[in-house]
């Protein structure tokens, strides 16, 4: 899973989110966030969660994650996050960590 993942902007739905290669991606204004697609609680898809102010809430058990740091705000396990860069036609995810 090491390397760079390039996700074209047209891969994002109207809700400005996508799931690619086990990574959930979210566009919020001019920022992009990328975290492991599976919630660390029970493995549910984080791409289904609610995003508000840089905080992602899992739709299934309401665990909350700070997308800047991956810290768990409600629950006890952080989510792995990835550095991102927004380009004119794609979001670049750096998977080396």
PDB file of N, CA and C in Angstrom:
ATOM      1  N   UNK A   1       0.826  -1.199   0.000  1.00  0.00           N
ATOM      2  CA  UNK A   1       0.000   0.000   0.000  1.00  0.00           C
ATOM      3  C   UNK A   1       0.866   1.257   0.000  1.00  0.00           C
ATOM      4  N   UNK A   2       2.158   1.112  -0.046  1.00  0.00           N
ATOM      5  CA  UNK A   2       3.039   2.280  -0.060  1.00  0.00           C
ATOM      6  C   UNK A   2       2.955   2.985  -1.399  1.00  0.00           C
ATOM      7  N   UNK A   3       3.328   4.250  -1.410  1.00  0.00           N
ATOM      8  CA  UNK A   3       3.376   5.010  -2.641  1.00  0.00           C
ATOM      9  C   UNK A   3       2.402   6.155  -2.660  1.00  0.00           C
ATOM     10  N   UNK A   4       2.083   6.544  -3.875  1.00  0.00           N
ATOM     11  CA  UNK A   4       1.200   7.680  -4.095  1.00  0.00           C
ATOM     12  C   UNK A   4      -0.063   7.192  -4.786  1.00  0.00           C
ATOM     13  N   UNK A   5      -1.191   7.634  -4.289  1.00  0.00           N
ATOM     14  CA  UNK A   5      -2.479   7.340  -4.904  1.00  0.00           C
ATOM     15  C   UNK A   5      -3.008   8.631  -5.496  1.00  0.00           C
ATOM     16  N   UNK A   6      -3.325   8.620  -6.780  1.00  0.00           N
ATOM     17  CA  UNK A   6      -3.855   9.794  -7.469  1.00  0.00           C
ATOM     18  C   UNK A   6      -5.318   9.513  -7.806  1.00  0.00           C
ATOM     19  N   UNK A   7      -6.215  10.310  -7.244  1.00  0.00           N
ATOM     20  CA  UNK A   7      -7.654  10.094  -7.434  1.00  0.00           C
ATOM     21  C   UNK A   7      -8.221  11.270  -8.224  1.00  0.00           C
ATOM     22  N   UNK A   8      -8.654  11.023  -9.475  1.00  0.00           N
ATOM     23  CA  UNK A   8      -9.216  12.114 -10.280  1.00  0.00           C
ATOM     24  C   UNK A   8     -10.428  12.736  -9.589  1.00  0.00           C
ATOM     25  N   UNK A   9     -10.581  14.037  -9.734  1.00  0.00           N
ATOM     26  CA  UNK A   9     -11.709  14.722  -9.104  1.00  0.00           C
ATOM     27  C   UNK A   9     -13.051  14.176  -9.573  1.00  0.00           C
ATOM     28  N   UNK A  10     -13.102  13.653 -10.808  1.00  0.00           N
ATOM     29  CA  UNK A  10     -14.380  13.121 -11.286  1.00  0.00           C
ATOM     30  C   UNK A  10     -14.737  11.772 -10.632  1.00  0.00           C
ATOM     31  N   UNK A  11     -13.842  11.221  -9.806  1.00  0.00           N
ATOM     32  CA  UNK A  11     -14.150  10.001  -9.048  1.00  0.00           C
ATOM     33  C   UNK A  11     -14.983  10.315  -7.811  1.00  0.00           C
ATOM     34  N   UNK A  12     -15.029  11.600  -7.437  1.00  0.00           N
ATOM     35  CA  UNK A  12     -15.800  12.016  -6.268  1.00  0.00           C
ATOM     36  C   UNK A  12     -17.252  12.219  -6.675  1.00  0.00           C
ATOM     37  N   UNK A  13     -18.151  11.739  -5.851  1.00  0.00           N
ATOM     38  CA  UNK A  13     -19.569  11.912  -6.117  1.00  0.00           C
ATOM     39  C   UNK A  13     -20.036  13.317  -5.779  1.00  0.00           C
ATOM     40  N   UNK A  14     -21.322  13.533  -5.939  1.00  0.00           N
ATOM     41  CA  UNK A  14     -21.912  14.834  -5.623  1.00  0.00           C
ATOM     42  C   UNK A  14     -21.724  15.181  -4.149  1.00  0.00           C
ATOM     43  N   UNK A  15     -21.562  14.152  -3.319  1.00  0.00           N
ATOM     44  CA  UNK A  15     -21.348  14.377  -1.888  1.00  0.00           C
ATOM     45  C   UNK A  15     -19.881  14.660  -1.566  1.00  0.00           C
ATOM     46  N   UNK A  16     -19.052  14.743  -2.608  1.00  0.00           N
ATOM     47  CA  UNK A  16     -17.633  15.106  -2.503  1.00  0.00           C
ATOM     48  C   UNK A  16     -16.827  14.111  -1.667  1.00  0.00           C
ATOM     49  N   UNK A  17     -17.127  12.830  -1.868  1.00  0.00           N
ATOM     50  CA  UNK A  17     -16.401  11.779  -1.176  1.00  0.00           C
ATOM     51  C   UNK A  17     -16.195  10.606  -2.118  1.00  0.00           C
ATOM     52  N   UNK A  18     -15.185   9.802  -1.813  1.00  0.00           N
ATOM     53  CA  UNK A  18     -14.877   8.633  -2.626  1.00  0.00           C
ATOM     54  C   UNK A  18     -14.180   7.603  -1.744  1.00  0.00           C
ATOM     55  N   UNK A  19     -14.209   6.353  -2.193  1.00  0.00           N
ATOM     56  CA  UNK A  19     -13.451   5.302  -1.529  1.00  0.00           C
ATOM     57  C   UNK A  19     -12.638   4.590  -2.598  1.00  0.00           C
ATOM     58  N   UNK A  20     -11.311   4.583  -2.412  1.00  0.00           N
ATOM     59  CA  UNK A  20     -10.409   4.002  -3.389  1.00  0.00           C
ATOM     60  C   UNK A  20      -9.308   3.239  -2.657  1.00  0.00           C
ATOM     61  N   UNK A  21      -9.083   1.998  -3.039  1.00  0.00           N
ATOM     62  CA  UNK A  21      -7.989   1.185  -2.488  1.00  0.00           C
ATOM     63  C   UNK A  21      -7.936   1.198  -0.958  1.00  0.00           C
ATOM     64  N   UNK A  22      -9.084   1.070  -0.317  1.00  0.00           N
ATOM     65  CA  UNK A  22      -9.120   0.997   1.136  1.00  0.00           C
ATOM     66  C   UNK A  22      -8.956   2.323   1.850  1.00  0.00           C
ATOM     67  N   UNK A  23      -9.070   3.418   1.101  1.00  0.00           N
ATOM     68  CA  UNK A  23      -8.950   4.754   1.673  1.00  0.00           C
ATOM     69  C   UNK A  23     -10.229   5.530   1.400  1.00  0.00           C
ATOM     70  N   UNK A  24     -10.776   6.156   2.442  1.00  0.00           N
ATOM     71  CA  UNK A  24     -11.941   7.037   2.305  1.00  0.00           C
ATOM     72  C   UNK A  24     -11.418   8.459   2.133  1.00  0.00           C
ATOM     73  N   UNK A  25     -11.916   9.140   1.103  1.00  0.00           N
ATOM     74  CA  UNK A  25     -11.481  10.505   0.801  1.00  0.00           C
ATOM     75  C   UNK A  25     -12.661  11.458   0.881  1.00  0.00           C
ATOM     76  N   UNK A  26     -12.383  12.639   1.411  1.00  0.00           N
ATOM     77  CA  UNK A  26     -13.416  13.645   1.598  1.00  0.00           C
ATOM     78  C   UNK A  26     -12.891  14.988   1.129  1.00  0.00           C
ATOM     79  N   UNK A  27     -13.672  15.689   0.338  1.00  0.00           N
ATOM     80  CA  UNK A  27     -13.359  17.062  -0.045  1.00  0.00           C
ATOM     81  C   UNK A  27     -14.220  17.975   0.812  1.00  0.00           C
ATOM     82  N   UNK A  28     -13.583  18.954   1.422  1.00  0.00           N
ATOM     83  CA  UNK A  28     -14.287  19.910   2.279  1.00  0.00           C
ATOM     84  C   UNK A  28     -13.735  21.286   1.945  1.00  0.00           C
ATOM     85  N   UNK A  29     -14.473  22.031   1.135  1.00  0.00           N
ATOM     86  CA  UNK A  29     -13.965  23.306   0.636  1.00  0.00           C
ATOM     87  C   UNK A  29     -12.788  23.037  -0.262  1.00  0.00           C
ATOM     88  N   UNK A  30     -11.659  23.675   0.008  1.00  0.00           N
ATOM     89  CA  UNK A  30     -10.460  23.448  -0.809  1.00  0.00           C
ATOM     90  C   UNK A  30      -9.512  22.444  -0.147  1.00  0.00           C
ATOM     91  N   UNK A  31      -9.967  21.735   0.867  1.00  0.00           N
ATOM     92  CA  UNK A  31      -9.172  20.736   1.588  1.00  0.00           C
ATOM     93  C   UNK A  31      -9.607  19.333   1.203  1.00  0.00           C
ATOM     94  N   UNK A  32      -8.672  18.419   1.288  1.00  0.00           N
ATOM     95  CA  UNK A  32      -8.976  17.007   1.093  1.00  0.00           C
ATOM     96  C   UNK A  32      -8.471  16.248   2.313  1.00  0.00           C
ATOM     97  N   UNK A  33      -9.238  15.286   2.748  1.00  0.00           N
ATOM     98  CA  UNK A  33      -8.871  14.438   3.864  1.00  0.00           C
ATOM     99  C   UNK A  33      -8.895  12.987   3.383  1.00  0.00           C
ATOM    100  N   UNK A  34      -7.996  12.178   3.915  1.00  0.00           N
ATOM    101  CA  UNK A  34      -7.948  10.760   3.574  1.00  0.00           C
ATOM    102  C   UNK A  34      -7.653   9.959   4.833  1.00  0.00           C
ATOM    103  N   UNK A  35      -8.472   8.926   5.061  1.00  0.00           N
ATOM    104  CA  UNK A  35      -8.304   8.041   6.212  1.00  0.00           C
ATOM    105  C   UNK A  35      -8.575   6.615   5.756  1.00  0.00           C
ATOM    106  N   UNK A  36      -8.170   5.647   6.589  1.00  0.00           N
ATOM    107  CA  UNK A  36      -8.535   4.267   6.281  1.00  0.00           C
ATOM    108  C   UNK A  36     -10.041   4.184   6.098  1.00  0.00           C
ATOM    109  N   UNK A  37     -10.464   3.383   5.140  1.00  0.00           N
ATOM    110  CA  UNK A  37     -11.886   3.298   4.810  1.00  0.00           C
ATOM    111  C   UNK A  37     -12.709   2.623   5.903  1.00  0.00           C
ATOM    112  N   UNK A  38     -12.089   1.733   6.673  1.00  0.00           N
ATOM    113  CA  UNK A  38     -12.814   0.986   7.699  1.00  0.00           C
ATOM    114  C   UNK A  38     -12.673   1.662   9.057  1.00  0.00           C
ATOM    115  N   UNK A  39     -13.788   1.832   9.734  1.00  0.00           N
ATOM    116  CA  UNK A  39     -13.768   2.383  11.088  1.00  0.00           C
ATOM    117  C   UNK A  39     -12.993   1.426  11.994  1.00  0.00           C
ATOM    118  N   UNK A  40     -12.091   1.953  12.831  1.00  0.00           N
ATOM    119  CA  UNK A  40     -11.331   1.072  13.722  1.00  0.00           C
ATOM    120  C   UNK A  40     -12.188   0.396  14.794  1.00  0.00           C
ATOM    121  N   UNK A  41     -13.413   0.831  14.951  1.00  0.00           N
ATOM    122  CA  UNK A  41     -14.301   0.236  15.957  1.00  0.00           C
ATOM    123  C   UNK A  41     -14.776  -1.142  15.518  1.00  0.00           C
ATOM    124  N   UNK A  42     -15.519  -1.195  14.397  1.00  0.00           N
ATOM    125  CA  UNK A  42     -16.057  -2.475  13.931  1.00  0.00           C
ATOM    126  C   UNK A  42     -15.907  -2.667  12.434  1.00  0.00           C
ATOM    127  N   UNK A  43     -15.111  -1.828  11.790  1.00  0.00           N
ATOM    128  CA  UNK A  43     -14.827  -2.024  10.379  1.00  0.00           C
ATOM    129  C   UNK A  43     -15.870  -1.500   9.412  1.00  0.00           C
ATOM    130  N   UNK A  44     -16.824  -0.738   9.902  1.00  0.00           N
ATOM    131  CA  UNK A  44     -17.847  -0.185   9.013  1.00  0.00           C
ATOM    132  C   UNK A  44     -17.235   0.889   8.108  1.00  0.00           C
ATOM    133  N   UNK A  45     -17.860   1.141   6.948  1.00  0.00           N
ATOM    134  CA  UNK A  45     -17.296   2.096   5.992  1.00  0.00           C
ATOM    135  C   UNK A  45     -17.419   3.551   6.464  1.00  0.00           C
ATOM    136  N   UNK A  46     -16.274   4.184   6.664  1.00  0.00           N
ATOM    137  CA  UNK A  46     -16.281   5.582   7.102  1.00  0.00           C
ATOM    138  C   UNK A  46     -16.768   6.525   6.013  1.00  0.00           C
ATOM    139  N   UNK A  47     -16.712   6.123   4.770  1.00  0.00           N
ATOM    140  CA  UNK A  47     -17.171   6.989   3.686  1.00  0.00           C
ATOM    141  C   UNK A  47     -18.662   7.307   3.825  1.00  0.00           C
ATOM    142  N   UNK A  48     -19.387   6.499   4.598  1.00  0.00           N
ATOM    143  CA  UNK A  48     -20.814   6.732   4.836  1.00  0.00           C
ATOM    144  C   UNK A  48     -21.065   7.726   5.964  1.00  0.00           C
ATOM    145  N   UNK A  49     -20.014   8.165   6.639  1.00  0.00           N
ATOM    146  CA  UNK A  49     -20.167   9.025   7.809  1.00  0.00           C
ATOM    147  C   UNK A  49     -20.541  10.457   7.482  1.00  0.00           C
ATOM    148  N   UNK A  50     -20.766  11.215   8.529  1.00  0.00           N
ATOM    149  CA  UNK A  50     -21.116  12.630   8.413  1.00  0.00           C
ATOM    150  C   UNK A  50     -19.868  13.470   8.654  1.00  0.00           C
ATOM    151  N   UNK A  51     -19.647  14.464   7.801  1.00  0.00           N
ATOM    152  CA  UNK A  51     -18.501  15.345   7.914  1.00  0.00           C
ATOM    153  C   UNK A  51     -18.980  16.745   8.264  1.00  0.00           C
ATOM    154  N   UNK A  52     -18.407  17.293   9.331  1.00  0.00           N
ATOM    155  CA  UNK A  52     -18.754  18.653   9.745  1.00  0.00           C
ATOM    156  C   UNK A  52     -17.539  19.270  10.430  1.00  0.00           C
ATOM    157  N   UNK A  53     -17.041  20.348   9.864  1.00  0.00           N
ATOM    158  CA  UNK A  53     -15.941  21.079  10.494  1.00  0.00           C
ATOM    159  C   UNK A  53     -14.686  20.264  10.709  1.00  0.00           C
ATOM    160  N   UNK A  54     -14.353  19.382   9.775  1.00  0.00           N
ATOM    161  CA  UNK A  54     -13.152  18.573   9.908  1.00  0.00           C
ATOM    162  C   UNK A  54     -13.291  17.393  10.851  1.00  0.00           C
ATOM    163  N   UNK A  55     -14.517  17.125  11.289  1.00  0.00           N
ATOM    164  CA  UNK A  55     -14.781  15.981  12.165  1.00  0.00           C
ATOM    165  C   UNK A  55     -15.690  15.008  11.407  1.00  0.00           C
ATOM    166  N   UNK A  56     -15.257  13.758  11.368  1.00  0.00           N
ATOM    167  CA  UNK A  56     -16.025  12.702  10.713  1.00  0.00           C
ATOM    168  C   UNK A  56     -16.690  11.848  11.777  1.00  0.00           C
ATOM    169  N   UNK A  57     -18.005  11.651  11.648  1.00  0.00           N
ATOM    170  CA  UNK A  57     -18.753  10.800  12.572  1.00  0.00           C
ATOM    171  C   UNK A  57     -19.184   9.546  11.835  1.00  0.00           C
ATOM    172  N   UNK A  58     -18.763   8.396  12.335  1.00  0.00           N
ATOM    173  CA  UNK A  58     -19.148   7.124  11.734  1.00  0.00           C
ATOM    174  C   UNK A  58     -20.675   6.991  11.797  1.00  0.00           C
ATOM    175  N   UNK A  59     -21.262   6.624  10.676  1.00  0.00           N
ATOM    176  CA  UNK A  59     -22.719   6.526  10.578  1.00  0.00           C
ATOM    177  C   UNK A  59     -23.281   5.353  11.376  1.00  0.00           C
ATOM    178  N   UNK A  60     -22.457   4.416  11.765  1.00  0.00           N
ATOM    179  CA  UNK A  60     -22.955   3.181  12.359  1.00  0.00           C
ATOM    180  C   UNK A  60     -22.970   3.185  13.890  1.00  0.00           C
ATOM    181  N   UNK A  61     -21.934   3.717  14.521  1.00  0.00           N
ATOM    182  CA  UNK A  61     -21.890   3.709  15.982  1.00  0.00           C
ATOM    183  C   UNK A  61     -21.476   5.059  16.558  1.00  0.00           C
ATOM    184  N   UNK A  62     -21.448   6.073  15.708  1.00  0.00           N
ATOM    185  CA  UNK A  62     -21.230   7.468  16.105  1.00  0.00           C
ATOM    186  C   UNK A  62     -19.850   7.765  16.692  1.00  0.00           C
ATOM    187  N   UNK A  63     -18.873   6.920  16.393  1.00  0.00           N
ATOM    188  CA  UNK A  63     -17.513   7.287  16.770  1.00  0.00           C
ATOM    189  C   UNK A  63     -17.127   8.511  15.954  1.00  0.00           C
ATOM    190  N   UNK A  64     -16.367   9.432  16.552  1.00  0.00           N
ATOM    191  CA  UNK A  64     -16.005  10.687  15.899  1.00  0.00           C
ATOM    192  C   UNK A  64     -14.486  10.790  15.780  1.00  0.00           C
ATOM    193  N   UNK A  65     -14.031  11.294  14.624  1.00  0.00           N
ATOM    194  CA  UNK A  65     -12.609  11.393  14.341  1.00  0.00           C
ATOM    195  C   UNK A  65     -12.257  12.787  13.834  1.00  0.00           C
ATOM    196  N   UNK A  66     -11.150  13.313  14.352  1.00  0.00           N
ATOM    197  CA  UNK A  66     -10.591  14.568  13.862  1.00  0.00           C
ATOM    198  C   UNK A  66      -9.805  14.233  12.602  1.00  0.00           C
ATOM    199  N   UNK A  67     -10.233  14.733  11.458  1.00  0.00           N
ATOM    200  CA  UNK A  67      -9.587  14.371  10.205  1.00  0.00           C
ATOM    201  C   UNK A  67      -8.220  15.019  10.023  1.00  0.00           C
ATOM    202  N   UNK A  68      -7.911  16.034  10.796  1.00  0.00           N
ATOM    203  CA  UNK A  68      -6.570  16.643  10.739  1.00  0.00           C
ATOM    204  C   UNK A  68      -5.527  15.735  11.378  1.00  0.00           C
ATOM    205  N   UNK A  69      -5.906  15.037  12.441  1.00  0.00           N
ATOM    206  CA  UNK A  69      -4.943  14.256  13.218  1.00  0.00           C
ATOM    207  C   UNK A  69      -5.229  12.759  13.230  1.00  0.00           C
ATOM    208  N   UNK A  70      -6.464  12.375  12.950  1.00  0.00           N
ATOM    209  CA  UNK A  70      -6.882  10.982  13.069  1.00  0.00           C
ATOM    210  C   UNK A  70      -7.341  10.622  14.472  1.00  0.00           C
ATOM    211  N   UNK A  71      -7.223  11.571  15.418  1.00  0.00           N
ATOM    212  CA  UNK A  71      -7.590  11.308  16.810  1.00  0.00           C
ATOM    213  C   UNK A  71      -9.063  10.934  16.919  1.00  0.00           C
ATOM    214  N   UNK A  72      -9.328  10.018  17.824  1.00  0.00           N
ATOM    215  CA  UNK A  72     -10.700   9.604  18.096  1.00  0.00           C
ATOM    216  C   UNK A  72     -11.265  10.530  19.168  1.00  0.00           C
ATOM    217  N   UNK A  73     -12.361  11.199  18.860  1.00  0.00           N
ATOM    218  CA  UNK A  73     -12.982  12.148  19.779  1.00  0.00           C
ATOM    219  C   UNK A  73     -14.096  11.512  20.594  1.00  0.00           C
ATOM    220  N   UNK A  74     -14.653  10.432  20.082  1.00  0.00           N
ATOM    221  CA  UNK A  74     -15.665   9.660  20.800  1.00  0.00           C
ATOM    222  C   UNK A  74     -15.407   8.209  20.445  1.00  0.00           C
ATOM    223  N   UNK A  75     -14.870   7.466  21.369  1.00  0.00           N
ATOM    224  CA  UNK A  75     -14.396   6.110  21.145  1.00  0.00           C
ATOM    225  C   UNK A  75     -12.978   6.038  21.673  1.00  0.00           C
ATOM    226  N   UNK A  76     -12.295   4.939  21.401  1.00  0.00           N
ATOM    227  CA  UNK A  76     -10.970   4.792  22.001  1.00  0.00           C
ATOM    228  C   UNK A  76      -9.856   4.388  21.043  1.00  0.00           C
ATOM    229  N   UNK A  77     -10.110   4.414  19.727  1.00  0.00           N
ATOM    230  CA  UNK A  77      -9.060   4.067  18.772  1.00  0.00           C
ATOM    231  C   UNK A  77      -9.020   5.086  17.644  1.00  0.00           C
ATOM    232  N   UNK A  78      -7.857   5.673  17.365  1.00  0.00           N
ATOM    233  CA  UNK A  78      -7.750   6.642  16.272  1.00  0.00           C
ATOM    234  C   UNK A  78      -7.868   5.943  14.919  1.00  0.00           C
ATOM    235  N   UNK A  79      -8.110   6.729  13.902  1.00  0.00           N
ATOM    236  CA  UNK A  79      -8.136   6.221  12.533  1.00  0.00           C
ATOM    237  C   UNK A  79      -6.837   6.659  11.851  1.00  0.00           C
ATOM    238  N   UNK A  80      -6.295   5.792  11.028  1.00  0.00           N
ATOM    239  CA  UNK A  80      -5.088   6.157  10.295  1.00  0.00           C
ATOM    240  C   UNK A  80      -5.450   7.183   9.232  1.00  0.00           C
ATOM    241  N   UNK A  81      -4.674   8.266   9.201  1.00  0.00           N
ATOM    242  CA  UNK A  81      -4.910   9.311   8.207  1.00  0.00           C
ATOM    243  C   UNK A  81      -3.718   9.395   7.286  1.00  0.00           C
ATOM    244  N   UNK A  82      -3.936  10.016   6.126  1.00  0.00           N
ATOM    245  CA  UNK A  82      -2.911  10.136   5.098  1.00  0.00           C
ATOM    246  C   UNK A  82      -2.798  11.595   4.680  1.00  0.00           C
ATOM    247  N   UNK A  83      -1.588  12.005   4.376  1.00  0.00           N
ATOM    248  CA  UNK A  83      -1.368  13.352   3.849  1.00  0.00           C
ATOM    249  C   UNK A  83      -1.988  13.430   2.460  1.00  0.00           C
ATOM    250  N   UNK A  84      -2.534  14.588   2.132  1.00  0.00           N
ATOM    251  CA  UNK A  84      -3.152  14.788   0.824  1.00  0.00           C
ATOM    252  C   UNK A  84      -2.676  16.097   0.214  1.00  0.00           C
ATOM    253  N   UNK A  85      -2.833  16.176  -1.082  1.00  0.00           N
ATOM    254  CA  UNK A  85      -2.565  17.406  -1.818  1.00  0.00           C
ATOM    255  C   UNK A  85      -3.634  17.509  -2.906  1.00  0.00           C
ATOM    256  N   UNK A  86      -4.264  18.672  -3.008  1.00  0.00           N
ATOM    257  CA  UNK A  86      -5.281  18.886  -4.031  1.00  0.00           C
ATOM    258  C   UNK A  86      -4.614  19.538  -5.237  1.00  0.00           C
ATOM    259  N   UNK A  87      -4.770  18.913  -6.384  1.00  0.00           N
ATOM    260  CA  UNK A  87      -4.266  19.444  -7.643  1.00  0.00           C
ATOM    261  C   UNK A  87      -5.467  19.856  -8.491  1.00  0.00           C
ATOM    262  N   UNK A  88      -5.245  20.554  -9.603  1.00  0.00           N
ATOM    263  CA  UNK A  88      -6.386  21.018 -10.406  1.00  0.00           C
ATOM    264  C   UNK A  88      -7.328  19.914 -10.881  1.00  0.00           C
ATOM    265  N   UNK A  89      -6.816  18.696 -11.080  1.00  0.00           N
ATOM    266  CA  UNK A  89      -7.659  17.636 -11.618  1.00  0.00           C
ATOM    267  C   UNK A  89      -7.708  16.368 -10.758  1.00  0.00           C
ATOM    268  N   UNK A  90      -7.055  16.409  -9.579  1.00  0.00           N
ATOM    269  CA  UNK A  90      -6.991  15.193  -8.766  1.00  0.00           C
ATOM    270  C   UNK A  90      -6.639  15.507  -7.323  1.00  0.00           C
ATOM    271  N   UNK A  91      -6.901  14.525  -6.478  1.00  0.00           N
ATOM    272  CA  UNK A  91      -6.392  14.560  -5.102  1.00  0.00           C
ATOM    273  C   UNK A  91      -5.278  13.516  -5.051  1.00  0.00           C
ATOM    274  N   UNK A  92      -4.146  13.927  -4.531  1.00  0.00           N
ATOM    275  CA  UNK A  92      -2.997  13.041  -4.375  1.00  0.00           C
ATOM    276  C   UNK A  92      -2.915  12.631  -2.910  1.00  0.00           C
ATOM    277  N   UNK A  93      -2.839  11.324  -2.679  1.00  0.00           N
ATOM    278  CA  UNK A  93      -2.737  10.788  -1.327  1.00  0.00           C
ATOM    279  C   UNK A  93      -1.358  10.151  -1.188  1.00  0.00           C
ATOM    280  N   UNK A  94      -0.626  10.560  -0.155  1.00  0.00           N
ATOM    281  CA  UNK A  94       0.701  10.016   0.121  1.00  0.00           C
ATOM    282  C   UNK A  94       0.538   8.868   1.106  1.00  0.00           C
ATOM    283  N   UNK A  95       0.771   7.660   0.624  1.00  0.00           N
ATOM    284  CA  UNK A  95       0.528   6.470   1.447  1.00  0.00           C
ATOM    285  C   UNK A  95       1.754   6.006   2.206  1.00  0.00           C
ATOM    286  N   UNK A  96       2.879   6.658   2.036  1.00  0.00           N
ATOM    287  CA  UNK A  96       4.092   6.288   2.786  1.00  0.00           C
ATOM    288  C   UNK A  96       4.028   6.951   4.144  1.00  0.00           C
ATOM    289  N   UNK A  97       3.996   6.169   5.187  1.00  0.00           N
ATOM    290  CA  UNK A  97       3.971   6.708   6.554  1.00  0.00           C
ATOM    291  C   UNK A  97       4.626   5.748   7.469  1.00  0.00           C
TER     292      UNK A  97
END
